[in-house]
Amino acid sequence: PQILSLSSTATEPKPVISLHPLWTTFFQGETVMLTCNTFRFHAPEKIKLYRWYLEGEIQSETLGNTHEVRETGMYKCQAQDSPPSDAVHLLFSSGGK
């Protein structure tokens, strides 16, 4: 049988964050749903934890791959044992009142 190395995470693809709604500028008070999409070789149900970062600081750890946000900043996600995603920048605007 093939033996899998524990150091294989270095070659594992990064997760990708998708947004709902799809744009990146919002009005203050709106909520954006981020989804951490992974490309793992084994079933997603084996992933037990997702970590969400805002400006490099851990903001939340969730059991599901979605996270609601309301703040301007650079967001990243990380699935259990995966490298962090690339950052997504969201802007919440006051609308220039």
C-alpha atoms as a PDB file:
ATOM      1  CA  PRO A   1       0.000   0.000   0.000  1.00  0.00           C
ATOM      2  CA  GLN A   2       1.043   3.571  -0.643  1.00  0.00           C
ATOM      3  CA  ILE A   3       2.193   5.501   2.425  1.00  0.00           C
ATOM      4  CA  LEU A   4       1.124   9.131   2.570  1.00  0.00           C
ATOM      5  CA  SER A   5       3.556  11.596   4.020  1.00  0.00           C
ATOM      6  CA  LEU A   6       2.361  13.940   6.758  1.00  0.00           C
ATOM      7  CA  SER A   7       4.343  16.727   5.105  1.00  0.00           C
ATOM      8  CA  SER A   8       2.101  16.667   2.016  1.00  0.00           C
ATOM      9  CA  THR A   9       0.314  19.858   3.146  1.00  0.00           C
ATOM     10  CA  ALA A  10       3.015  21.965   1.442  1.00  0.00           C
ATOM     11  CA  THR A  11       1.807  20.778  -1.968  1.00  0.00           C
ATOM     12  CA  GLU A  12      -1.880  20.943  -1.121  1.00  0.00           C
ATOM     13  CA  PRO A  13      -3.826  23.609  -3.014  1.00  0.00           C
ATOM     14  CA  LYS A  14      -4.944  26.681  -1.111  1.00  0.00           C
ATOM     15  CA  PRO A  15      -8.630  27.098  -0.344  1.00  0.00           C
ATOM     16  CA  VAL A  16     -10.432  29.824  -2.305  1.00  0.00           C
ATOM     17  CA  ILE A  17     -12.919  32.247  -0.748  1.00  0.00           C
ATOM     18  CA  SER A  18     -16.150  32.871  -2.612  1.00  0.00           C
ATOM     19  CA  LEU A  19     -18.532  35.716  -1.764  1.00  0.00           C
ATOM     20  CA  HIS A  20     -22.287  36.093  -1.643  1.00  0.00           C
ATOM     21  CA  PRO A  21     -23.186  38.590  -3.024  1.00  0.00           C
ATOM     22  CA  LEU A  22     -20.370  38.534  -5.585  1.00  0.00           C
ATOM     23  CA  TRP A  23     -19.070  42.117  -5.403  1.00  0.00           C
ATOM     24  CA  THR A  24     -16.474  43.394  -2.916  1.00  0.00           C
ATOM     25  CA  THR A  25     -17.892  46.827  -1.962  1.00  0.00           C
ATOM     26  CA  PHE A  26     -20.889  46.987   0.382  1.00  0.00           C
ATOM     27  CA  PHE A  27     -22.758  49.511   2.489  1.00  0.00           C
ATOM     28  CA  GLN A  28     -22.263  49.593   6.251  1.00  0.00           C
ATOM     29  CA  GLY A  29     -24.818  47.373   7.941  1.00  0.00           C
ATOM     30  CA  GLU A  30     -24.837  44.834   5.124  1.00  0.00           C
ATOM     31  CA  THR A  31     -23.700  41.266   5.751  1.00  0.00           C
ATOM     32  CA  VAL A  32     -21.496  39.259   3.397  1.00  0.00           C
ATOM     33  CA  MET A  33     -21.346  35.471   3.452  1.00  0.00           C
ATOM     34  CA  LEU A  34     -17.856  34.090   2.810  1.00  0.00           C
ATOM     35  CA  THR A  35     -17.426  30.447   1.804  1.00  0.00           C
ATOM     36  CA  CYS A  36     -14.118  28.612   2.143  1.00  0.00           C
ATOM     37  CA  ASN A  37     -13.864  26.290  -0.867  1.00  0.00           C
ATOM     38  CA  THR A  38     -11.297  23.525  -0.486  1.00  0.00           C
ATOM     39  CA  PHE A  39      -9.749  21.255  -3.071  1.00  0.00           C
ATOM     40  CA  ARG A  40      -8.857  18.299  -0.932  1.00  0.00           C
ATOM     41  CA  PHE A  41      -8.278  14.772  -2.133  1.00  0.00           C
ATOM     42  CA  HIS A  42     -10.483  13.295   0.562  1.00  0.00           C
ATOM     43  CA  ALA A  43     -14.086  13.965   1.453  1.00  0.00           C
ATOM     44  CA  PRO A  44     -15.018  17.441   2.808  1.00  0.00           C
ATOM     45  CA  GLU A  45     -16.848  15.856   5.750  1.00  0.00           C
ATOM     46  CA  LYS A  46     -13.441  14.918   7.174  1.00  0.00           C
ATOM     47  CA  ILE A  47     -12.645  18.608   7.663  1.00  0.00           C
ATOM     48  CA  LYS A  48     -13.623  19.461  11.212  1.00  0.00           C
ATOM     49  CA  LEU A  49     -12.583  23.073  11.533  1.00  0.00           C
ATOM     50  CA  TYR A  50     -12.304  26.226   9.439  1.00  0.00           C
ATOM     51  CA  ARG A  51     -10.314  29.223  10.651  1.00  0.00           C
ATOM     52  CA  TRP A  52     -11.148  32.751   9.475  1.00  0.00           C
ATOM     53  CA  TYR A  53      -8.666  35.624   9.531  1.00  0.00           C
ATOM     54  CA  LEU A  54      -9.223  39.371   9.387  1.00  0.00           C
ATOM     55  CA  GLU A  55      -6.053  41.405   8.753  1.00  0.00           C
ATOM     56  CA  GLY A  56      -3.942  38.375   9.717  1.00  0.00           C
ATOM     57  CA  GLU A  57      -5.602  37.859  13.112  1.00  0.00           C
ATOM     58  CA  ILE A  58      -7.795  34.834  13.819  1.00  0.00           C
ATOM     59  CA  GLN A  59     -11.343  36.159  13.866  1.00  0.00           C
ATOM     60  CA  SER A  60     -13.289  32.945  14.229  1.00  0.00           C
ATOM     61  CA  GLU A  61     -13.166  29.176  14.034  1.00  0.00           C
ATOM     62  CA  THR A  62     -16.218  27.491  12.554  1.00  0.00           C
ATOM     63  CA  LEU A  63     -17.383  23.938  12.030  1.00  0.00           C
ATOM     64  CA  GLY A  64     -18.915  24.851   8.669  1.00  0.00           C
ATOM     65  CA  ASN A  65     -17.175  26.448   5.703  1.00  0.00           C
ATOM     66  CA  THR A  66     -19.214  29.685   5.778  1.00  0.00           C
ATOM     67  CA  HIS A  67     -18.686  32.865   7.768  1.00  0.00           C
ATOM     68  CA  GLU A  68     -20.692  36.119   7.900  1.00  0.00           C
ATOM     69  CA  VAL A  69     -18.730  39.372   7.962  1.00  0.00           C
ATOM     70  CA  ARG A  70     -19.622  43.072   8.301  1.00  0.00           C
ATOM     71  CA  GLU A  71     -16.211  44.786   8.517  1.00  0.00           C
ATOM     72  CA  THR A  72     -13.836  46.275   5.960  1.00  0.00           C
ATOM     73  CA  GLY A  73     -10.567  44.388   5.692  1.00  0.00           C
ATOM     74  CA  MET A  74      -8.517  41.569   4.222  1.00  0.00           C
ATOM     75  CA  TYR A  75     -10.052  38.147   4.868  1.00  0.00           C
ATOM     76  CA  LYS A  76      -8.463  34.705   4.603  1.00  0.00           C
ATOM     77  CA  CYS A  77      -9.723  31.247   5.415  1.00  0.00           C
ATOM     78  CA  GLN A  78      -7.901  28.060   6.293  1.00  0.00           C
ATOM     79  CA  ALA A  79      -9.349  24.574   6.357  1.00  0.00           C
ATOM     80  CA  GLN A  80      -8.018  22.062   8.835  1.00  0.00           C
ATOM     81  CA  ASP A  81      -4.449  21.122   7.792  1.00  0.00           C
ATOM     82  CA  SER A  82      -4.512  23.284   4.643  1.00  0.00           C
ATOM     83  CA  PRO A  83      -2.450  26.358   3.795  1.00  0.00           C
ATOM     84  CA  PRO A  84      -4.303  29.692   4.190  1.00  0.00           C
ATOM     85  CA  SER A  85      -6.248  31.045   1.223  1.00  0.00           C
ATOM     86  CA  ASP A  86      -5.250  34.144  -0.682  1.00  0.00           C
ATOM     87  CA  ALA A  87      -6.691  37.290   0.875  1.00  0.00           C
ATOM     88  CA  VAL A  88      -9.975  38.817  -0.256  1.00  0.00           C
ATOM     89  CA  HIS A  89     -10.400  42.553   0.379  1.00  0.00           C
ATOM     90  CA  LEU A  90     -13.878  43.751   1.333  1.00  0.00           C
ATOM     91  CA  LEU A  91     -14.924  47.384   1.676  1.00  0.00           C
ATOM     92  CA  PHE A  92     -17.949  48.455   3.677  1.00  0.00           C
ATOM     93  CA  SER A  93     -18.773  52.035   2.680  1.00  0.00           C
ATOM     94  CA  SER A  94     -20.835  54.554   4.600  1.00  0.00           C
ATOM     95  CA  GLY A  95     -22.245  55.676   1.245  1.00  0.00           C
ATOM     96  CA  GLY A  96     -20.728  59.170   1.435  1.00  0.00           C
ATOM     97  CA  LYS A  97     -23.646  60.748   3.290  1.00  0.00           C
END
